[in-house]
Amino acid sequence: MDKVVGPPFGSYLITRMRMKVSTSKSAVMLAVLCILLAGTYGCTACLVGSSAATVGAGAAGAGVTRFEMGRVTRFEIAQYEDVIEASRLAAENLSLNLKEEKIEENRASFSYLDDKDQKIDLLIERRTDTITYIKVDVGIFGPQGLGLLTLNQILNELAKYET
């Protein structure tokens, strides 16, 4: 009988099977890590740095909304004065109680309380004639939904200023 020279076919199969098992283990480990992080920090923890970022067209203009450590931030294509007025109307529509208001030439801050004494801080900064920075802060342990709702209400009010 003649012997076949070369790598045995069985060793090739074993190597391929090891690669598949290794890839499967990595996928399972990643899934378990995301589940653990989601259970500990919320659904946004699977993103890098346990922060959420969404890109899209807002009610008033295209912008990037980011939620991290109790703060919702957004750069908006809107005039500074319009954002201030939209913020006041949004707070009124949400029945938030004004605790403090400070308006400067390029920066405004508002502090509100809801009926359960949850503090909501709002910062508005003029960046250019047409770019305004908005930050809603509900605190590290504050409800993310309240921060997002406040920002969305501001954007809804801001949409009324578009021509």
N, C-alpha and C. Protein backbone atom coordinates (compact mmCIF):
# COMPACT_ATOMS: atom_id res chain seq x y z
N MET A 1 0.81 -1.18 0.00
CA MET A 1 0.00 0.00 0.00
C MET A 1 0.86 1.24 0.00
N ASP A 2 0.41 2.23 -0.76
CA ASP A 2 1.14 3.49 -0.81
C ASP A 2 0.61 4.42 0.28
N LYS A 3 1.55 5.14 0.89
CA LYS A 3 1.18 6.13 1.90
C LYS A 3 1.03 7.49 1.23
N VAL A 4 0.03 8.26 1.69
CA VAL A 4 -0.17 9.61 1.17
C VAL A 4 0.66 10.55 2.02
N VAL A 5 1.47 11.37 1.37
CA VAL A 5 2.32 12.31 2.09
C VAL A 5 1.63 13.68 2.08
N GLY A 6 1.69 14.37 3.20
CA GLY A 6 1.07 15.68 3.33
C GLY A 6 0.35 15.78 4.65
N PRO A 7 -0.21 16.93 4.90
CA PRO A 7 -0.90 17.09 6.18
C PRO A 7 -2.14 16.22 6.23
N PRO A 8 -2.33 15.57 7.34
CA PRO A 8 -3.51 14.71 7.46
C PRO A 8 -4.78 15.55 7.44
N PHE A 9 -5.79 15.04 6.78
CA PHE A 9 -7.07 15.74 6.65
C PHE A 9 -7.72 15.95 8.01
N GLY A 10 -7.56 14.99 8.91
CA GLY A 10 -8.16 15.09 10.25
C GLY A 10 -7.62 16.27 11.03
N SER A 11 -6.32 16.56 10.91
CA SER A 11 -5.74 17.67 11.64
C SER A 11 -6.28 19.00 11.12
N TYR A 12 -6.57 19.10 9.83
CA TYR A 12 -7.17 20.30 9.24
C TYR A 12 -8.56 20.53 9.84
N LEU A 13 -9.35 19.47 9.93
CA LEU A 13 -10.70 19.59 10.50
C LEU A 13 -10.65 20.02 11.96
N ILE A 14 -9.72 19.46 12.72
CA ILE A 14 -9.61 19.81 14.14
C ILE A 14 -9.26 21.29 14.28
N THR A 15 -8.33 21.78 13.45
CA THR A 15 -7.95 23.19 13.49
C THR A 15 -9.14 24.08 13.16
N ARG A 16 -9.92 23.75 12.15
CA ARG A 16 -11.11 24.53 11.77
C ARG A 16 -12.14 24.52 12.90
N MET A 17 -12.32 23.36 13.54
CA MET A 17 -13.29 23.27 14.64
C MET A 17 -12.85 24.14 15.81
N ARG A 18 -11.55 24.16 16.11
CA ARG A 18 -11.04 25.00 17.20
C ARG A 18 -11.30 26.47 16.90
N MET A 19 -11.12 26.90 15.65
CA MET A 19 -11.37 28.29 15.28
C MET A 19 -12.84 28.64 15.46
N LYS A 20 -13.74 27.73 15.09
CA LYS A 20 -15.17 27.99 15.24
C LYS A 20 -15.54 28.08 16.71
N VAL A 21 -15.00 27.19 17.54
CA VAL A 21 -15.29 27.21 18.97
C VAL A 21 -14.77 28.50 19.59
N SER A 22 -13.57 28.93 19.20
CA SER A 22 -12.99 30.16 19.72
C SER A 22 -13.86 31.37 19.35
N THR A 23 -14.33 31.43 18.11
CA THR A 23 -15.20 32.51 17.67
C THR A 23 -16.53 32.48 18.42
N SER A 24 -17.08 31.30 18.62
CA SER A 24 -18.34 31.16 19.35
C SER A 24 -18.17 31.61 20.79
N LYS A 25 -17.05 31.24 21.42
CA LYS A 25 -16.81 31.65 22.80
C LYS A 25 -16.74 33.17 22.90
N SER A 26 -16.09 33.80 21.95
CA SER A 26 -15.98 35.27 21.96
C SER A 26 -17.35 35.92 21.84
N ALA A 27 -18.18 35.39 20.97
CA ALA A 27 -19.52 35.94 20.78
C ALA A 27 -20.36 35.76 22.04
N VAL A 28 -20.25 34.60 22.67
CA VAL A 28 -21.01 34.33 23.90
C VAL A 28 -20.52 35.24 25.01
N MET A 29 -19.21 35.41 25.13
CA MET A 29 -18.65 36.27 26.18
C MET A 29 -19.10 37.72 25.99
N LEU A 30 -19.13 38.20 24.75
CA LEU A 30 -19.58 39.55 24.47
C LEU A 30 -21.06 39.72 24.83
N ALA A 31 -21.87 38.74 24.49
CA ALA A 31 -23.30 38.79 24.80
C ALA A 31 -23.52 38.80 26.31
N VAL A 32 -22.79 37.96 27.04
CA VAL A 32 -22.92 37.91 28.50
C VAL A 32 -22.49 39.24 29.11
N LEU A 33 -21.41 39.82 28.62
CA LEU A 33 -20.95 41.10 29.12
C LEU A 33 -22.00 42.19 28.91
N CYS A 34 -22.60 42.23 27.72
CA CYS A 34 -23.65 43.23 27.45
C CYS A 34 -24.86 43.03 28.35
N ILE A 35 -25.23 41.78 28.59
CA ILE A 35 -26.37 41.51 29.47
C ILE A 35 -26.07 41.97 30.88
N LEU A 36 -24.86 41.68 31.37
CA LEU A 36 -24.49 42.11 32.71
C LEU A 36 -24.45 43.63 32.82
N LEU A 37 -23.87 44.29 31.82
CA LEU A 37 -23.82 45.75 31.85
C LEU A 37 -25.22 46.36 31.75
N ALA A 38 -26.05 45.79 30.91
CA ALA A 38 -27.41 46.32 30.76
C ALA A 38 -28.18 46.16 32.06
N GLY A 39 -27.98 45.06 32.75
CA GLY A 39 -28.66 44.85 34.02
C GLY A 39 -28.17 45.79 35.10
N THR A 40 -26.92 46.20 35.01
CA THR A 40 -26.34 47.07 36.02
C THR A 40 -26.55 48.54 35.72
N TYR A 41 -26.37 48.93 34.46
CA TYR A 41 -26.38 50.34 34.11
C TYR A 41 -27.50 50.76 33.18
N GLY A 42 -28.31 49.86 32.71
CA GLY A 42 -29.35 50.20 31.76
C GLY A 42 -28.95 49.80 30.35
N CYS A 43 -29.86 49.93 29.44
CA CYS A 43 -29.65 49.45 28.07
C CYS A 43 -28.53 50.17 27.35
N THR A 44 -28.24 51.38 27.74
CA THR A 44 -27.22 52.14 27.02
C THR A 44 -25.82 51.70 27.37
N ALA A 45 -25.65 50.83 28.35
CA ALA A 45 -24.31 50.45 28.79
C ALA A 45 -23.55 49.65 27.74
N CYS A 46 -24.22 49.05 26.79
CA CYS A 46 -23.52 48.27 25.77
C CYS A 46 -22.76 49.17 24.81
N LEU A 47 -23.05 50.44 24.82
CA LEU A 47 -22.28 51.38 24.01
C LEU A 47 -21.03 51.76 24.78
N VAL A 48 -20.01 52.17 24.10
CA VAL A 48 -18.74 52.50 24.73
C VAL A 48 -18.92 53.61 25.75
N GLY A 49 -18.38 53.40 26.95
CA GLY A 49 -18.41 54.43 27.97
C GLY A 49 -19.76 54.58 28.64
N SER A 50 -20.61 53.61 28.53
CA SER A 50 -21.96 53.62 29.10
C SER A 50 -22.68 54.94 28.82
N SER A 51 -22.62 55.37 27.60
CA SER A 51 -23.34 56.58 27.20
C SER A 51 -24.12 56.28 25.94
N ALA A 52 -25.17 57.03 25.74
CA ALA A 52 -25.98 56.85 24.54
C ALA A 52 -25.83 58.07 23.66
N ALA A 53 -25.72 57.84 22.39
CA ALA A 53 -25.66 58.96 21.45
C ALA A 53 -26.58 58.62 20.29
N THR A 54 -27.40 59.56 19.91
CA THR A 54 -28.26 59.35 18.76
C THR A 54 -28.04 60.49 17.79
N VAL A 55 -28.02 60.15 16.55
CA VAL A 55 -27.84 61.16 15.51
C VAL A 55 -29.11 61.16 14.68
N GLY A 56 -29.63 62.34 14.41
CA GLY A 56 -30.83 62.38 13.59
C GLY A 56 -31.33 63.80 13.45
N ALA A 57 -32.42 63.90 12.76
CA ALA A 57 -33.04 65.20 12.56
C ALA A 57 -33.94 65.49 13.73
N GLY A 58 -33.66 66.56 14.44
CA GLY A 58 -34.49 66.96 15.55
C GLY A 58 -35.68 67.75 15.05
N ALA A 59 -36.49 68.18 15.99
CA ALA A 59 -37.66 68.94 15.61
C ALA A 59 -37.27 70.28 14.98
N ALA A 60 -36.16 70.86 15.47
CA ALA A 60 -35.77 72.16 14.96
C ALA A 60 -34.66 72.08 13.93
N GLY A 61 -33.85 71.06 13.97
CA GLY A 61 -32.76 70.94 13.01
C GLY A 61 -31.95 69.71 13.32
N ALA A 62 -31.04 69.36 12.42
CA ALA A 62 -30.21 68.18 12.64
C ALA A 62 -29.30 68.42 13.82
N GLY A 63 -29.14 67.40 14.64
CA GLY A 63 -28.29 67.55 15.81
C GLY A 63 -27.91 66.20 16.35
N VAL A 64 -27.02 66.21 17.32
CA VAL A 64 -26.59 65.00 17.99
C VAL A 64 -27.01 65.11 19.44
N THR A 65 -27.75 64.13 19.92
CA THR A 65 -28.18 64.10 21.31
C THR A 65 -27.37 63.04 22.03
N ARG A 66 -26.87 63.39 23.19
CA ARG A 66 -26.04 62.46 23.95
C ARG A 66 -26.53 62.43 25.39
N PHE A 67 -26.66 61.23 25.97
CA PHE A 67 -27.02 61.08 27.37
C PHE A 67 -25.90 60.37 28.09
N GLU A 68 -25.39 61.00 29.13
CA GLU A 68 -24.29 60.41 29.89
C GLU A 68 -24.30 60.99 31.29
N MET A 69 -24.21 60.11 32.27
CA MET A 69 -24.09 60.52 33.67
C MET A 69 -25.18 61.52 34.09
N GLY A 70 -26.40 61.26 33.70
CA GLY A 70 -27.51 62.11 34.10
C GLY A 70 -27.69 63.38 33.30
N ARG A 71 -26.91 63.53 32.24
CA ARG A 71 -27.00 64.75 31.42
C ARG A 71 -27.37 64.41 29.98
N VAL A 72 -28.31 65.17 29.44
CA VAL A 72 -28.65 65.07 28.02
C VAL A 72 -28.10 66.33 27.38
N THR A 73 -27.26 66.16 26.36
CA THR A 73 -26.67 67.32 25.70
C THR A 73 -26.98 67.29 24.22
N ARG A 74 -27.05 68.48 23.63
CA ARG A 74 -27.36 68.56 22.21
C ARG A 74 -26.86 69.90 21.65
N PHE A 75 -26.30 69.84 20.47
CA PHE A 75 -26.01 71.04 19.69
C PHE A 75 -27.14 71.18 18.68
N GLU A 76 -27.72 72.36 18.63
CA GLU A 76 -28.90 72.56 17.79
C GLU A 76 -28.67 73.74 16.85
N ILE A 77 -29.18 73.61 15.63
CA ILE A 77 -29.14 74.72 14.69
C ILE A 77 -30.33 75.62 15.03
N ALA A 78 -30.06 76.61 15.85
CA ALA A 78 -31.11 77.52 16.31
C ALA A 78 -30.45 78.74 16.95
N GLN A 79 -31.16 79.84 16.96
CA GLN A 79 -30.64 81.04 17.59
C GLN A 79 -30.80 80.95 19.10
N TYR A 80 -29.83 81.50 19.79
CA TYR A 80 -29.77 81.47 21.25
C TYR A 80 -31.07 81.97 21.90
N GLU A 81 -31.57 83.11 21.45
CA GLU A 81 -32.78 83.69 22.03
C GLU A 81 -34.00 82.79 21.82
N ASP A 82 -34.06 82.15 20.66
CA ASP A 82 -35.18 81.24 20.38
C ASP A 82 -35.14 80.02 21.31
N VAL A 83 -33.95 79.52 21.59
CA VAL A 83 -33.83 78.36 22.48
C VAL A 83 -34.24 78.73 23.90
N ILE A 84 -33.88 79.93 24.34
CA ILE A 84 -34.29 80.38 25.68
C ILE A 84 -35.81 80.43 25.77
N GLU A 85 -36.44 81.04 24.78
CA GLU A 85 -37.91 81.14 24.80
C GLU A 85 -38.56 79.77 24.70
N ALA A 86 -38.03 78.91 23.85
CA ALA A 86 -38.57 77.55 23.72
C ALA A 86 -38.41 76.78 25.02
N SER A 87 -37.32 77.01 25.74
CA SER A 87 -37.10 76.34 27.02
C SER A 87 -38.11 76.77 28.06
N ARG A 88 -38.40 78.05 28.09
CA ARG A 88 -39.41 78.55 29.03
C ARG A 88 -40.79 77.95 28.74
N LEU A 89 -41.15 77.91 27.46
CA LEU A 89 -42.44 77.33 27.08
C LEU A 89 -42.49 75.83 27.38
N ALA A 90 -41.39 75.14 27.15
CA ALA A 90 -41.33 73.70 27.43
C ALA A 90 -41.53 73.44 28.92
N ALA A 91 -40.85 74.21 29.76
CA ALA A 91 -40.99 74.04 31.21
C ALA A 91 -42.43 74.32 31.65
N GLU A 92 -43.03 75.32 31.04
CA GLU A 92 -44.43 75.65 31.36
C GLU A 92 -45.36 74.51 30.94
N ASN A 93 -45.14 73.96 29.75
CA ASN A 93 -45.97 72.84 29.28
C ASN A 93 -45.81 71.59 30.13
N LEU A 94 -44.62 71.40 30.69
CA LEU A 94 -44.36 70.23 31.54
C LEU A 94 -44.71 70.50 33.00
N SER A 95 -45.22 71.68 33.30
CA SER A 95 -45.61 72.09 34.66
C SER A 95 -44.44 72.00 35.64
N LEU A 96 -43.26 72.39 35.18
CA LEU A 96 -42.09 72.41 36.05
C LEU A 96 -42.07 73.72 36.83
N ASN A 97 -41.61 73.66 38.07
CA ASN A 97 -41.56 74.83 38.94
C ASN A 97 -40.19 75.48 38.83
N LEU A 98 -40.16 76.75 38.44
CA LEU A 98 -38.90 77.47 38.30
C LEU A 98 -38.33 77.77 39.67
N LYS A 99 -37.09 77.34 39.87
CA LYS A 99 -36.39 77.58 41.13
C LYS A 99 -35.40 78.74 40.98
N GLU A 100 -34.71 78.76 39.83
CA GLU A 100 -33.71 79.80 39.59
C GLU A 100 -33.53 80.01 38.09
N GLU A 101 -33.29 81.26 37.71
CA GLU A 101 -33.06 81.60 36.30
C GLU A 101 -31.95 82.64 36.23
N LYS A 102 -30.99 82.40 35.34
CA LYS A 102 -29.89 83.34 35.15
C LYS A 102 -29.62 83.47 33.66
N ILE A 103 -29.81 84.67 33.12
CA ILE A 103 -29.64 84.92 31.69
C ILE A 103 -28.47 85.89 31.50
N GLU A 104 -27.49 85.48 30.69
CA GLU A 104 -26.36 86.33 30.34
C GLU A 104 -26.34 86.49 28.82
N GLU A 105 -25.35 87.20 28.32
CA GLU A 105 -25.28 87.48 26.88
C GLU A 105 -25.16 86.21 26.04
N ASN A 106 -24.32 85.28 26.46
CA ASN A 106 -24.09 84.06 25.68
C ASN A 106 -24.36 82.78 26.46
N ARG A 107 -24.97 82.91 27.63
CA ARG A 107 -25.18 81.73 28.47
C ARG A 107 -26.40 81.96 29.36
N ALA A 108 -27.25 80.94 29.43
CA ALA A 108 -28.42 81.01 30.29
C ALA A 108 -28.52 79.71 31.08
N SER A 109 -28.96 79.83 32.32
CA SER A 109 -29.18 78.62 33.12
C SER A 109 -30.51 78.73 33.85
N PHE A 110 -31.17 77.60 33.93
CA PHE A 110 -32.46 77.49 34.61
C PHE A 110 -32.38 76.30 35.55
N SER A 111 -33.04 76.42 36.68
CA SER A 111 -33.14 75.29 37.60
C SER A 111 -34.62 75.10 37.91
N TYR A 112 -35.09 73.88 37.69
CA TYR A 112 -36.51 73.56 37.88
C TYR A 112 -36.65 72.41 38.87
N LEU A 113 -37.85 72.28 39.43
CA LEU A 113 -38.23 71.13 40.25
C LEU A 113 -39.55 70.60 39.73
N ASP A 114 -39.69 69.28 39.72
CA ASP A 114 -41.01 68.73 39.42
C ASP A 114 -41.77 68.58 40.74
N ASP A 115 -42.97 68.03 40.71
CA ASP A 115 -43.79 67.92 41.92
C ASP A 115 -43.24 66.94 42.95
N LYS A 116 -42.29 66.11 42.55
CA LYS A 116 -41.66 65.16 43.48
C LYS A 116 -40.26 65.63 43.88
N ASP A 117 -40.00 66.92 43.68
CA ASP A 117 -38.72 67.56 44.02
C ASP A 117 -37.52 67.00 43.27
N GLN A 118 -37.74 66.48 42.07
CA GLN A 118 -36.62 66.08 41.21
C GLN A 118 -36.07 67.34 40.55
N LYS A 119 -34.80 67.60 40.76
CA LYS A 119 -34.17 68.79 40.22
C LYS A 119 -33.81 68.57 38.75
N ILE A 120 -34.07 69.59 37.95
CA ILE A 120 -33.74 69.58 36.52
C ILE A 120 -33.01 70.88 36.22
N ASP A 121 -31.73 70.76 35.90
CA ASP A 121 -30.94 71.94 35.55
C ASP A 121 -30.81 72.03 34.04
N LEU A 122 -30.95 73.22 33.54
CA LEU A 122 -30.89 73.45 32.10
C LEU A 122 -29.84 74.52 31.82
N LEU A 123 -28.92 74.22 30.91
CA LEU A 123 -27.89 75.17 30.49
C LEU A 123 -28.02 75.39 28.99
N ILE A 124 -28.01 76.64 28.59
CA ILE A 124 -28.08 77.00 27.17
C ILE A 124 -26.89 77.92 26.88
N GLU A 125 -26.11 77.58 25.86
CA GLU A 125 -24.96 78.40 25.49
C GLU A 125 -25.01 78.75 24.01
N ARG A 126 -24.77 80.01 23.71
CA ARG A 126 -24.66 80.46 22.33
C ARG A 126 -23.26 80.10 21.84
N ARG A 127 -23.17 79.35 20.74
CA ARG A 127 -21.87 78.99 20.16
C ARG A 127 -21.56 79.87 18.94
N THR A 128 -22.56 80.08 18.10
CA THR A 128 -22.46 81.00 16.96
C THR A 128 -23.84 81.64 16.81
N ASP A 129 -24.01 82.42 15.75
CA ASP A 129 -25.33 83.02 15.51
C ASP A 129 -26.40 81.96 15.29
N THR A 130 -26.00 80.80 14.80
CA THR A 130 -26.99 79.77 14.46
C THR A 130 -26.79 78.44 15.18
N ILE A 131 -25.80 78.32 16.04
CA ILE A 131 -25.58 77.08 16.79
C ILE A 131 -25.73 77.36 18.27
N THR A 132 -26.54 76.56 18.93
CA THR A 132 -26.76 76.69 20.36
C THR A 132 -26.60 75.33 21.02
N TYR A 133 -25.93 75.33 22.15
CA TYR A 133 -25.69 74.12 22.95
C TYR A 133 -26.75 74.05 24.05
N ILE A 134 -27.35 72.88 24.21
CA ILE A 134 -28.38 72.68 25.23
C ILE A 134 -27.95 71.51 26.11
N LYS A 135 -28.00 71.71 27.43
CA LYS A 135 -27.70 70.62 28.36
C LYS A 135 -28.81 70.55 29.40
N VAL A 136 -29.42 69.37 29.54
CA VAL A 136 -30.41 69.11 30.56
C VAL A 136 -29.78 68.13 31.54
N ASP A 137 -29.72 68.50 32.81
CA ASP A 137 -29.06 67.67 33.83
C ASP A 137 -30.08 67.27 34.89
N VAL A 138 -30.30 65.96 35.03
CA VAL A 138 -31.21 65.44 36.07
C VAL A 138 -30.43 64.75 37.18
N GLY A 139 -29.12 64.85 37.17
CA GLY A 139 -28.29 64.21 38.19
C GLY A 139 -27.93 62.79 37.79
N ILE A 140 -26.86 62.28 38.38
CA ILE A 140 -26.37 60.94 38.02
C ILE A 140 -27.43 59.87 38.24
N PHE A 141 -28.18 59.98 39.33
CA PHE A 141 -29.19 58.98 39.64
C PHE A 141 -30.59 59.42 39.24
N GLY A 142 -30.69 60.56 38.55
CA GLY A 142 -31.98 61.05 38.12
C GLY A 142 -32.55 60.23 36.97
N PRO A 143 -33.84 60.35 36.74
CA PRO A 143 -34.48 59.56 35.68
C PRO A 143 -34.09 60.06 34.28
N GLN A 144 -33.50 59.17 33.51
CA GLN A 144 -33.08 59.49 32.15
C GLN A 144 -34.26 59.98 31.32
N GLY A 145 -35.40 59.35 31.49
CA GLY A 145 -36.58 59.72 30.71
C GLY A 145 -37.00 61.16 30.92
N LEU A 146 -36.86 61.66 32.15
CA LEU A 146 -37.24 63.04 32.43
C LEU A 146 -36.33 64.03 31.69
N GLY A 147 -35.05 63.73 31.66
CA GLY A 147 -34.11 64.57 30.91
C GLY A 147 -34.41 64.57 29.43
N LEU A 148 -34.67 63.38 28.88
CA LEU A 148 -34.98 63.27 27.46
C LEU A 148 -36.31 63.94 27.13
N LEU A 149 -37.30 63.77 28.00
CA LEU A 149 -38.60 64.40 27.79
C LEU A 149 -38.47 65.92 27.77
N THR A 150 -37.70 66.45 28.71
CA THR A 150 -37.50 67.90 28.78
C THR A 150 -36.85 68.42 27.50
N LEU A 151 -35.79 67.73 27.05
CA LEU A 151 -35.13 68.14 25.81
C LEU A 151 -36.07 68.03 24.61
N ASN A 152 -36.81 66.95 24.53
CA ASN A 152 -37.75 66.79 23.40
C ASN A 152 -38.81 67.87 23.39
N GLN A 153 -39.27 68.27 24.57
CA GLN A 153 -40.27 69.33 24.63
C GLN A 153 -39.67 70.66 24.17
N ILE A 154 -38.42 70.90 24.54
CA ILE A 154 -37.73 72.12 24.07
C ILE A 154 -37.64 72.10 22.54
N LEU A 155 -37.26 70.95 21.99
CA LEU A 155 -37.14 70.84 20.53
C LEU A 155 -38.49 71.01 19.84
N ASN A 156 -39.55 70.49 20.45
CA ASN A 156 -40.90 70.68 19.88
C ASN A 156 -41.28 72.15 19.86
N GLU A 157 -40.99 72.85 20.93
CA GLU A 157 -41.28 74.29 20.98
C GLU A 157 -40.40 75.05 19.99
N LEU A 158 -39.17 74.61 19.86
CA LEU A 158 -38.23 75.26 18.95
C LEU A 158 -38.65 75.11 17.49
N ALA A 159 -39.32 74.01 17.18
CA ALA A 159 -39.78 73.77 15.81
C ALA A 159 -40.75 74.85 15.35
N LYS A 160 -41.43 75.48 16.28
CA LYS A 160 -42.39 76.54 15.94
C LYS A 160 -41.70 77.81 15.45
N TYR A 161 -40.39 77.93 15.72
CA TYR A 161 -39.64 79.11 15.30
C TYR A 161 -39.08 78.98 13.90
N GLU A 162 -39.15 77.79 13.31
CA GLU A 162 -38.64 77.59 11.95
C GLU A 162 -39.52 78.31 10.95
N THR A 163 -38.89 78.79 9.90
CA THR A 163 -39.67 79.47 8.85
C THR A 163 -39.70 78.65 7.59
